[in-house]
Amino acid sequence: MSETLSRREFLKIAGVAGAAVGMGAGLGGLLAACGEEEEATTTTAGATTTTAGATTTTAGATTTTAGATTTTAGATTTSVSAEPEVGREIKLGFVAPLTGPLASFGVPDTYCVDRWKEAIGEGMVLGDGMKHPISITIQDSQSDSNRAAQVAGDLINNTGIDLMMVASTPDTVKPTVDQCEANSTPCVSTDCPWQTYMGDAFPTGYKWSYHVFFGGEDWMEVNVKCYDQISTNKTVGYMLPNDADGNYYREVYPGFLEKNGYKPVDGGAYQNGTEDYSSIISLFKSEAVEIITGVMIPPDFTNFWKQSIQQGFQPKVSLVGKALLFPQSVDAVGDIGNGQLTELWWHPSYPFKSSLSGESCTDLAAHFESTTGQQQTAPLLHYVVGEMAIWALQNAPDPTSKDSILSAVEKLKLDTIVGPIDFTAPLVTPLGPGNSDFAPGPGHKTKNVYDHGLGGAQWLMLGGKWKFEQVVVSNAAAPYITEMVPVKELPIA
């Protein structure tokens, strides 16, 4: 009997059933004293004392306190302890899927918000030289693109944010970016293949939005370089749903596979949330598919893979994007998940450091595990949008002006937890006219996009602390990866 997993059951297994989380300003206000001070004058035995402001004369010595010059026996000492002037509160917004089928992304998102608030403390000195309290308001997209647009608009028009942050798949990023463009609000984003992020704005570009993430050229190159490590008949069945990611890859991926000597077999534009994949599995069996790839949400992949094994379909290689980013997704599949491949956005072994705390990737992953009790995960790279936002505020001559913040973002050049980002660097020359006609790897791909590169990894049962561990198997689009192991063929005992 086929075992089908509902979304709710999947979230229960994965331990990520979200609850809406609201994080308001909550950073503590800073009070500025103002107004005139009353002076009290007391004369005793030839001495005059002025308090709250204050001049004291005693035996020929004059002392001025609160800010203060002291003269004694002809010597003068000046000390200054002035604090920066306090500016108005700066408001940051963050749209994230805290509930729904994409709720796995909400776990690293809420962790990142906590770390950004920790770095901000009670306020920061920004580009105008004033110390500003900074609040972060996170809104739940509920894993729905329409809801993402709604809450993004609410953050802009009702909360009055100065700068937007967003991550967690095109379903969250694209509608949020569209709202920021429509409402003239600076936005920094990640976790959306850059071609999907750009959409119809390619190649002209956006005005208000800037993005850091890999592109289709990286993902496809990593796929093929992983397939090449296993002896197969080179027939690839691909699972691409009817959504932004799936529709983009359906246009460009078949031709890429054919150019590299592989035969593509399209599983069809199924709907996210499909629970029965029998017809697709039958198609793949009839076409002698030995390689599986695709971009699937976590519960969909769980159902597809379990049904594949139950129906006697056992590929030699499987690399599925999005779903297999999370250890919980592989845990939900069980032992038959051993050997699954995934694109590797970010990993504790990457040689980068946080611009906010100085932590290495290893440090950040270890802190996440110790704080949340959950295994580190590639979407921890969402931390980068906080790094970008804070840098922009620190470098905007007027952080209360959206135009000034945008000007800073346009000049952003920063070493981050995902590597160097430089929007001032020359644009990478495309190899052809299409938006996927770029060489894979890091670089400034369009005015609004900096590509941080992409690796490949395999989930293996290694008998350690966690049931499955990620091992790095490809640096096809990430030259900074220096240590790898070969891909293992499925099934793995």
Protein backbone atom coordinates (compact mmCIF):
# COMPACT_ATOMS: atom_id res chain seq x y z
CA MET A 1 0.00 0.00 0.00
CA SER A 2 1.32 3.44 -0.89
CA GLU A 3 2.07 5.53 2.17
CA THR A 4 1.06 9.14 1.55
CA LEU A 5 2.18 11.96 3.76
CA SER A 6 0.01 15.07 4.18
CA ARG A 7 1.61 18.47 4.69
CA ARG A 8 0.57 18.53 8.32
CA GLU A 9 2.02 15.06 8.91
CA PHE A 10 5.23 16.07 7.20
CA LEU A 11 5.65 19.13 9.36
CA LYS A 12 4.98 17.04 12.45
CA ILE A 13 7.70 14.55 11.47
CA ALA A 14 10.13 17.26 10.50
CA GLY A 15 9.60 19.11 13.76
CA VAL A 16 9.01 22.36 12.02
CA ALA A 17 5.30 23.00 12.38
CA GLY A 18 5.52 26.73 12.75
CA ALA A 19 3.65 29.16 14.83
CA ALA A 20 3.27 32.73 13.78
CA VAL A 21 6.03 34.72 15.36
CA GLY A 22 5.86 38.44 15.86
CA MET A 23 8.95 40.35 16.63
CA GLY A 24 8.30 44.00 17.15
CA ALA A 25 10.72 46.72 17.98
CA GLY A 26 11.54 45.34 21.43
CA LEU A 27 15.10 46.65 21.36
CA GLY A 28 14.73 49.11 24.20
CA GLY A 29 14.24 52.82 23.75
CA LEU A 30 16.94 55.37 24.25
CA LEU A 31 15.92 58.47 26.20
CA ALA A 32 17.32 61.90 25.44
CA ALA A 33 17.16 64.49 28.23
CA CYS A 34 16.26 67.98 27.08
CA GLY A 35 15.08 71.35 28.41
CA GLU A 36 16.56 73.95 30.75
CA GLU A 37 18.10 73.04 34.07
CA GLU A 38 17.47 75.03 37.22
CA GLU A 39 20.51 76.48 38.91
CA ALA A 40 20.96 76.59 42.68
CA THR A 41 23.62 78.93 44.12
CA THR A 42 25.02 78.51 47.63
CA THR A 43 27.64 80.81 49.22
CA THR A 44 29.56 79.50 52.22
CA ALA A 45 32.77 80.98 53.67
CA GLY A 46 33.66 82.75 50.44
CA ALA A 47 32.94 79.68 48.27
CA THR A 48 30.29 79.75 45.48
CA THR A 49 28.78 76.45 44.26
CA THR A 50 26.50 76.15 41.21
CA THR A 51 24.92 72.72 40.83
CA ALA A 52 23.34 71.08 37.74
CA GLY A 53 25.54 72.91 35.51
CA ALA A 54 27.85 74.01 37.60
CA THR A 55 30.75 76.21 38.68
CA THR A 56 32.50 75.73 42.02
CA THR A 57 35.03 78.22 43.36
CA THR A 58 37.03 77.26 46.42
CA ALA A 59 40.33 78.71 47.58
CA GLY A 60 41.16 80.13 44.16
CA ALA A 61 40.41 76.89 42.30
CA THR A 62 37.64 76.75 39.74
CA THR A 63 35.95 73.46 38.85
CA THR A 64 33.29 73.11 36.20
CA THR A 65 31.49 69.75 36.31
CA ALA A 66 29.25 68.04 33.78
CA GLY A 67 31.49 68.36 30.98
CA ALA A 68 34.18 69.72 32.42
CA THR A 69 37.24 71.95 32.84
CA THR A 70 39.29 71.78 36.05
CA THR A 71 41.91 74.40 36.93
CA THR A 72 44.14 73.85 39.97
CA ALA A 73 47.42 75.61 40.75
CA GLY A 74 47.81 76.83 37.20
CA ALA A 75 47.26 73.41 35.59
CA THR A 76 44.39 72.86 33.11
CA THR A 77 42.89 69.42 32.29
CA THR A 78 40.04 68.89 29.82
CA SER A 79 38.02 65.61 29.65
CA VAL A 80 35.16 64.88 27.23
CA SER A 81 32.61 62.12 27.75
CA ALA A 82 29.93 63.20 25.27
CA GLU A 83 27.70 60.43 23.87
CA PRO A 84 26.56 60.51 20.23
CA GLU A 85 23.34 62.38 19.68
CA VAL A 86 20.35 60.03 19.62
CA GLY A 87 18.50 59.75 16.31
CA ARG A 88 15.06 58.43 15.53
CA GLU A 89 14.25 54.74 15.48
CA ILE A 90 15.10 52.96 12.22
CA LYS A 91 12.64 50.24 11.26
CA LEU A 92 13.58 47.06 9.39
CA GLY A 93 11.01 44.61 8.02
CA PHE A 94 11.53 40.92 7.31
CA VAL A 95 9.10 38.64 5.43
CA ALA A 96 9.53 34.91 6.11
CA PRO A 97 7.44 31.70 5.86
CA LEU A 98 7.03 30.82 9.54
CA THR A 99 4.08 28.50 8.91
CA GLY A 100 2.82 26.36 6.02
CA PRO A 101 4.72 23.93 3.77
CA LEU A 102 7.80 26.18 3.67
CA ALA A 103 7.97 26.50 7.47
CA SER A 104 11.34 24.71 7.53
CA PHE A 105 12.80 28.01 6.32
CA GLY A 106 11.24 29.81 9.29
CA VAL A 107 13.55 28.12 11.80
CA PRO A 108 16.80 29.65 10.47
CA ASP A 109 14.91 32.89 9.76
CA THR A 110 13.86 33.41 13.38
CA TYR A 111 17.36 32.45 14.53
CA CYS A 112 18.87 35.07 12.21
CA VAL A 113 16.52 37.75 13.52
CA ASP A 114 17.68 36.98 17.07
CA ARG A 115 21.33 37.26 16.00
CA TRP A 116 20.75 40.58 14.20
CA LYS A 117 19.02 41.99 17.27
CA GLU A 118 21.95 40.80 19.37
CA ALA A 119 24.39 42.67 17.09
CA ILE A 120 22.25 45.82 17.15
CA GLY A 121 21.85 45.89 20.93
CA GLU A 122 20.30 49.14 22.21
CA GLY A 123 21.26 50.95 19.04
CA MET A 124 24.07 51.66 16.59
CA VAL A 125 25.91 54.71 15.35
CA LEU A 126 24.83 55.01 11.72
CA GLY A 127 25.99 56.95 8.69
CA ASP A 128 24.83 60.32 10.06
CA GLY A 129 27.00 59.94 13.19
CA MET A 130 23.96 59.60 15.43
CA LYS A 131 23.05 56.62 17.58
CA HIS A 132 19.77 55.12 16.40
CA PRO A 133 17.64 52.43 17.99
CA ILE A 134 16.82 49.82 15.32
CA SER A 135 13.74 47.60 15.37
CA ILE A 136 13.04 44.48 13.33
CA THR A 137 9.48 43.40 12.55
CA ILE A 138 9.07 39.90 11.10
CA GLN A 139 5.89 39.01 9.25
CA ASP A 140 4.72 35.48 8.38
CA SER A 141 4.03 34.88 4.67
CA GLN A 142 2.32 31.59 5.64
CA SER A 143 4.17 30.03 2.65
CA ASP A 144 1.79 31.84 0.28
CA SER A 145 2.88 34.36 -2.37
CA ASN A 146 -0.32 36.43 -2.07
CA ARG A 147 0.11 36.62 1.68
CA ALA A 148 3.77 37.60 1.22
CA ALA A 149 2.72 40.55 -0.93
CA GLN A 150 0.07 41.54 1.62
CA VAL A 151 2.35 41.55 4.66
CA ALA A 152 5.14 43.26 2.72
CA GLY A 153 2.73 46.05 1.82
CA ASP A 154 1.65 46.27 5.45
CA LEU A 155 5.26 46.60 6.63
CA ILE A 156 5.86 49.40 4.15
CA ASN A 157 2.63 51.37 4.47
CA ASN A 158 1.51 50.74 8.06
CA THR A 159 4.63 49.84 10.07
CA GLY A 160 6.60 52.45 8.12
CA ILE A 161 9.79 50.46 7.63
CA ASP A 162 12.90 52.14 6.24
CA LEU A 163 14.40 48.98 4.69
CA MET A 164 13.03 45.54 3.78
CA MET A 165 14.74 42.16 4.15
CA VAL A 166 13.40 38.94 2.62
CA ALA A 167 14.48 35.35 1.92
CA SER A 168 13.03 31.84 1.58
CA THR A 169 12.18 30.85 -2.02
CA PRO A 170 10.62 32.81 -4.92
CA ASP A 171 7.17 32.44 -3.35
CA THR A 172 8.33 34.77 -0.59
CA VAL A 173 10.99 36.89 -2.28
CA LYS A 174 9.38 37.87 -5.60
CA PRO A 175 6.09 39.32 -4.29
CA THR A 176 7.97 41.17 -1.55
CA VAL A 177 10.39 42.68 -4.08
CA ASP A 178 7.45 43.71 -6.27
CA GLN A 179 5.88 45.55 -3.32
CA CYS A 180 9.15 47.33 -2.56
CA GLU A 181 9.49 48.45 -6.18
CA ALA A 182 5.89 49.68 -6.25
CA ASN A 183 6.30 51.57 -2.95
CA SER A 184 9.84 52.97 -3.39
CA THR A 185 11.35 51.06 -0.48
CA PRO A 186 14.92 49.68 -0.38
CA CYS A 187 15.07 45.88 -0.25
CA VAL A 188 17.88 43.35 0.24
CA SER A 189 17.17 39.68 -0.40
CA THR A 190 18.50 36.15 -0.82
CA ASP A 191 17.27 32.57 -1.35
CA CYS A 192 15.72 32.85 -4.81
CA PRO A 193 17.62 31.81 -7.96
CA TRP A 194 18.61 35.13 -9.44
CA GLN A 195 16.88 34.60 -12.80
CA THR A 196 13.58 33.96 -11.00
CA TYR A 197 14.23 37.02 -8.84
CA MET A 198 14.86 39.22 -11.89
CA GLY A 199 11.95 37.85 -13.94
CA ASP A 200 10.75 40.40 -16.49
CA ALA A 201 13.14 42.99 -15.01
CA PHE A 202 16.07 41.28 -16.77
CA PRO A 203 18.23 42.83 -18.15
CA THR A 204 17.02 46.37 -17.36
CA GLY A 205 17.06 45.84 -13.60
CA TYR A 206 15.25 47.06 -10.51
CA LYS A 207 15.62 50.43 -8.83
CA TRP A 208 15.02 49.61 -5.17
CA SER A 209 15.99 45.95 -4.76
CA TYR A 210 19.35 44.15 -4.54
CA HIS A 211 19.91 40.42 -4.28
CA VAL A 212 22.58 37.87 -3.35
CA PHE A 213 22.12 34.26 -4.46
CA PHE A 214 23.16 31.69 -7.04
CA GLY A 215 21.59 31.30 -10.47
CA GLY A 216 20.28 28.65 -12.83
CA GLU A 217 23.67 28.37 -14.51
CA ASP A 218 25.18 27.33 -11.16
CA TRP A 219 22.46 24.83 -10.26
CA MET A 220 22.49 23.10 -13.64
CA GLU A 221 26.30 22.87 -13.66
CA VAL A 222 26.36 21.31 -10.16
CA ASN A 223 23.69 18.80 -11.25
CA VAL A 224 25.63 17.58 -14.28
CA LYS A 225 28.97 17.47 -12.45
CA CYS A 226 27.37 15.23 -9.81
CA TYR A 227 25.72 12.97 -12.43
CA ASP A 228 29.04 12.63 -14.23
CA GLN A 229 30.53 10.89 -11.20
CA ILE A 230 28.22 7.85 -11.56
CA SER A 231 27.96 5.41 -14.49
CA THR A 232 24.37 5.71 -15.83
CA ASN A 233 22.43 5.58 -19.08
CA LYS A 234 22.29 9.42 -18.85
CA THR A 235 18.48 9.55 -18.79
CA VAL A 236 17.24 12.26 -16.39
CA GLY A 237 13.70 12.49 -15.04
CA TYR A 238 13.02 15.97 -13.68
CA MET A 239 10.38 17.04 -11.16
CA LEU A 240 9.50 20.70 -11.75
CA PRO A 241 6.22 21.99 -10.30
CA ASN A 242 3.98 24.69 -11.68
CA ASP A 243 5.59 27.54 -9.73
CA ALA A 244 8.20 30.24 -10.33
CA ASP A 245 11.22 27.97 -9.88
CA GLY A 246 9.76 25.05 -11.80
CA ASN A 247 8.58 27.09 -14.75
CA TYR A 248 11.94 28.83 -15.13
CA TYR A 249 13.94 25.60 -15.09
CA ARG A 250 11.49 23.89 -17.46
CA GLU A 251 12.45 26.46 -20.09
CA VAL A 252 16.24 26.16 -19.80
CA TYR A 253 17.09 22.79 -18.25
CA PRO A 254 16.21 20.33 -21.08
CA GLY A 255 18.50 22.11 -23.53
CA PHE A 256 21.30 22.23 -20.98
CA LEU A 257 21.01 18.50 -20.36
CA GLU A 258 21.03 17.69 -24.06
CA LYS A 259 24.08 19.91 -24.63
CA ASN A 260 25.88 17.86 -21.96
CA GLY A 261 24.92 14.48 -23.41
CA TYR A 262 21.91 13.69 -21.19
CA LYS A 263 18.35 12.78 -22.20
CA PRO A 264 15.65 14.81 -20.37
CA VAL A 265 12.29 13.32 -19.38
CA ASP A 266 9.75 15.83 -18.05
CA GLY A 267 7.59 14.59 -15.17
CA GLY A 268 5.09 17.36 -15.96
CA ALA A 269 4.09 20.64 -14.34
CA TYR A 270 2.45 19.12 -11.27
CA GLN A 271 0.92 21.27 -8.53
CA ASN A 272 2.67 21.84 -5.22
CA GLY A 273 0.89 19.73 -2.62
CA THR A 274 0.31 16.77 -4.93
CA GLU A 275 0.13 13.57 -2.88
CA ASP A 276 -0.01 10.84 -5.55
CA TYR A 277 2.91 10.59 -8.00
CA SER A 278 2.08 7.18 -9.48
CA SER A 279 1.62 8.44 -13.06
CA ILE A 280 4.96 10.27 -13.03
CA ILE A 281 6.74 7.27 -11.55
CA SER A 282 5.24 5.02 -14.25
CA LEU A 283 6.50 7.43 -16.92
CA PHE A 284 10.02 7.41 -15.47
CA LYS A 285 10.05 3.62 -15.30
CA SER A 286 8.91 3.31 -18.91
CA GLU A 287 11.65 5.73 -20.03
CA ALA A 288 14.34 3.81 -18.05
CA VAL A 289 15.20 6.92 -16.04
CA GLU A 290 18.30 6.41 -13.87
CA ILE A 291 18.75 9.99 -12.64
CA ILE A 292 16.23 12.13 -10.75
CA THR A 293 16.41 15.87 -10.30
CA GLY A 294 14.05 18.73 -9.66
CA VAL A 295 12.96 21.53 -7.35
CA MET A 296 10.37 20.29 -4.86
CA ILE A 297 8.97 21.51 -1.56
CA PRO A 298 9.80 19.19 1.37
CA PRO A 299 6.50 17.27 1.84
CA ASP A 300 6.17 16.70 -1.91
CA PHE A 301 9.60 15.12 -2.19
CA THR A 302 8.92 12.89 0.83
CA ASN A 303 5.80 11.50 -0.81
CA PHE A 304 7.42 11.16 -4.23
CA TRP A 305 10.50 9.30 -2.98
CA LYS A 306 8.61 6.92 -0.70
CA GLN A 307 6.17 6.07 -3.49
CA SER A 308 9.06 5.57 -5.94
CA ILE A 309 10.71 2.96 -3.73
CA GLN A 310 7.37 1.28 -2.95
CA GLN A 311 6.63 1.03 -6.69
CA GLY A 312 10.01 -0.44 -7.54
CA PHE A 313 11.58 2.66 -9.06
CA GLN A 314 15.18 3.04 -7.82
CA PRO A 315 17.35 5.65 -9.60
CA LYS A 316 21.15 5.55 -9.32
CA VAL A 317 21.43 9.29 -8.65
CA SER A 318 18.96 11.76 -7.12
CA LEU A 319 19.60 15.50 -6.72
CA VAL A 320 16.53 17.49 -5.71
CA GLY A 321 16.70 21.18 -4.89
CA LYS A 322 14.83 23.06 -2.15
CA ALA A 323 13.39 20.04 -0.28
CA LEU A 324 16.71 18.41 0.59
CA LEU A 325 18.30 21.52 2.02
CA PHE A 326 16.94 20.46 5.40
CA PRO A 327 18.08 17.51 7.50
CA GLN A 328 14.49 17.20 8.71
CA SER A 329 13.43 16.46 5.13
CA VAL A 330 15.84 13.56 4.86
CA ASP A 331 14.87 12.36 8.34
CA ALA A 332 11.22 12.32 7.21
CA VAL A 333 12.09 9.97 4.34
CA GLY A 334 13.93 7.58 6.67
CA ASP A 335 16.75 5.21 5.76
CA ILE A 336 15.79 5.28 2.06
CA GLY A 337 16.96 8.89 2.05
CA ASN A 338 20.56 7.75 2.50
CA GLY A 339 22.63 9.06 -0.41
CA GLN A 340 20.33 11.87 -1.57
CA LEU A 341 22.16 14.75 -3.25
CA THR A 342 21.37 18.44 -2.95
CA GLU A 343 22.76 21.76 -4.06
CA LEU A 344 24.89 23.30 -1.32
CA TRP A 345 24.16 26.98 -0.76
CA TRP A 346 26.23 27.28 2.40
CA HIS A 347 28.16 24.95 4.68
CA PRO A 348 30.10 25.16 7.98
CA SER A 349 33.30 24.37 6.07
CA TYR A 350 33.04 27.46 3.86
CA PRO A 351 35.94 29.92 4.50
CA PHE A 352 33.90 33.04 5.35
CA LYS A 353 33.22 35.20 8.41
CA SER A 354 30.34 37.34 9.64
CA SER A 355 30.79 41.08 9.21
CA LEU A 356 28.67 41.58 12.36
CA SER A 357 30.23 39.20 14.89
CA GLY A 358 33.42 37.92 13.27
CA GLU A 359 32.14 34.35 13.58
CA SER A 360 33.28 31.79 11.04
CA CYS A 361 30.80 29.59 9.21
CA THR A 362 31.76 26.79 11.61
CA ASP A 363 31.06 29.06 14.59
CA LEU A 364 27.67 30.17 13.26
CA ALA A 365 26.57 26.59 12.58
CA ALA A 366 27.69 25.44 16.03
CA HIS A 367 25.86 28.33 17.71
CA PHE A 368 22.68 27.54 15.77
CA GLU A 369 22.80 23.90 16.88
CA SER A 370 23.51 24.75 20.52
CA THR A 371 20.79 27.43 20.59
CA THR A 372 18.00 25.67 18.72
CA GLY A 373 18.85 22.00 19.36
CA GLN A 374 18.47 21.43 15.62
CA GLN A 375 21.03 20.43 13.02
CA GLN A 376 22.70 23.19 11.03
CA THR A 377 21.15 23.91 7.65
CA ALA A 378 22.13 25.69 4.42
CA PRO A 379 19.44 28.43 4.78
CA LEU A 380 21.51 29.88 7.62
CA LEU A 381 22.89 31.96 4.77
CA HIS A 382 19.78 34.12 5.26
CA TYR A 383 21.96 35.81 7.89
CA VAL A 384 23.53 37.75 5.00
CA VAL A 385 20.52 40.05 4.48
CA GLY A 386 20.97 41.38 8.02
CA GLU A 387 24.64 42.01 7.27
CA MET A 388 23.67 43.88 4.10
CA ALA A 389 20.95 45.92 5.82
CA ILE A 390 23.10 47.03 8.74
CA TRP A 391 26.03 47.91 6.45
CA ALA A 392 23.71 50.06 4.35
CA LEU A 393 22.44 51.94 7.42
CA GLN A 394 25.98 52.48 8.66
CA ASN A 395 27.01 53.88 5.28
CA ALA A 396 23.94 55.94 4.40
CA PRO A 397 24.62 59.65 5.05
CA ASP A 398 20.99 59.94 6.16
CA PRO A 399 19.65 56.56 7.38
CA THR A 400 16.19 58.13 7.80
CA SER A 401 16.02 58.70 4.03
CA LYS A 402 15.10 55.79 1.74
CA ASP A 403 16.97 57.43 -1.13
CA SER A 404 20.10 57.67 1.01
CA ILE A 405 19.80 54.02 2.10
CA LEU A 406 19.37 52.94 -1.53
CA SER A 407 22.48 54.89 -2.51
CA ALA A 408 24.44 52.99 0.13
CA VAL A 409 23.11 49.60 -1.02
CA GLU A 410 24.13 50.41 -4.60
CA LYS A 411 27.72 50.86 -3.38
CA LEU A 412 27.74 47.84 -1.06
CA LYS A 413 31.10 46.08 -0.88
CA LEU A 414 31.34 43.70 2.04
CA ASP A 415 32.84 40.40 3.21
CA THR A 416 29.98 38.33 4.64
CA ILE A 417 29.06 34.89 5.94
CA VAL A 418 28.38 33.83 2.32
CA GLY A 419 31.57 35.37 0.96
CA PRO A 420 32.43 38.71 -0.66
CA ILE A 421 29.64 40.85 -2.12
CA ASP A 422 30.54 43.77 -4.37
CA PHE A 423 27.86 45.72 -6.23
CA THR A 424 30.58 48.10 -7.45
CA ALA A 425 32.45 45.34 -9.33
CA PRO A 426 32.28 45.22 -13.15
CA LEU A 427 29.44 43.09 -14.49
CA VAL A 428 30.29 39.56 -15.60
CA THR A 429 30.12 39.26 -19.39
CA PRO A 430 27.36 36.80 -20.40
CA LEU A 431 28.15 33.98 -22.80
CA GLY A 432 24.99 34.58 -24.82
CA PRO A 433 21.78 36.65 -24.91
CA GLY A 434 19.71 34.59 -22.45
CA ASN A 435 19.53 35.10 -18.70
CA SER A 436 21.11 31.68 -18.12
CA ASP A 437 23.97 32.32 -20.56
CA PHE A 438 26.54 33.01 -17.87
CA ALA A 439 29.56 31.04 -16.73
CA PRO A 440 28.82 29.30 -13.42
CA GLY A 441 30.40 30.67 -10.27
CA PRO A 442 30.53 33.84 -8.15
CA GLY A 443 30.34 37.32 -9.61
CA HIS A 444 28.33 40.48 -10.25
CA LYS A 445 25.86 38.99 -12.73
CA THR A 446 23.48 41.95 -13.21
CA LYS A 447 23.16 45.44 -11.70
CA ASN A 448 20.96 44.08 -8.92
CA VAL A 449 22.53 40.62 -8.42
CA TYR A 450 25.70 39.31 -6.86
CA ASP A 451 26.06 35.53 -7.29
CA HIS A 452 27.82 33.93 -4.30
CA GLY A 453 28.35 30.55 -6.02
CA LEU A 454 27.09 27.04 -5.33
CA GLY A 455 28.42 23.65 -4.27
CA GLY A 456 26.97 20.14 -4.17
CA ALA A 457 26.51 17.79 -1.21
CA GLN A 458 25.30 14.28 -0.39
CA TRP A 459 23.37 13.22 2.70
CA LEU A 460 24.93 10.11 4.26
CA MET A 461 24.31 8.05 7.39
CA LEU A 462 27.72 8.22 9.06
CA GLY A 463 26.82 7.13 12.59
CA GLY A 464 27.50 10.53 14.15
CA LYS A 465 25.41 12.84 16.33
CA TRP A 466 22.85 13.35 13.57
CA LYS A 467 21.24 10.59 11.53
CA PHE A 468 22.32 12.18 8.24
CA GLU A 469 25.38 14.34 7.65
CA GLN A 470 26.18 16.48 4.62
CA VAL A 471 29.41 15.69 2.80
CA VAL A 472 30.64 18.04 0.07
CA VAL A 473 30.87 16.38 -3.37
CA SER A 474 31.13 19.23 -5.89
CA ASN A 475 32.65 22.69 -6.27
CA ALA A 476 31.45 23.09 -9.87
CA ALA A 477 30.21 26.64 -9.17
CA ALA A 478 32.10 27.36 -5.94
CA PRO A 479 35.88 27.55 -6.39
CA TYR A 480 36.34 28.38 -2.71
CA ILE A 481 35.47 24.73 -1.85
CA THR A 482 38.77 22.86 -1.60
CA GLU A 483 37.86 19.53 0.04
CA MET A 484 35.39 17.04 -1.46
CA VAL A 485 34.55 13.33 -1.57
CA PRO A 486 33.15 11.33 -4.55
CA VAL A 487 29.40 10.86 -5.05
CA LYS A 488 28.10 7.46 -3.93
CA GLU A 489 25.64 5.55 -6.14
CA LEU A 490 22.13 4.73 -4.94
CA PRO A 491 20.93 2.64 -3.23
CA ILE A 492 23.39 2.90 -0.38
CA ALA A 493 23.24 0.03 2.11
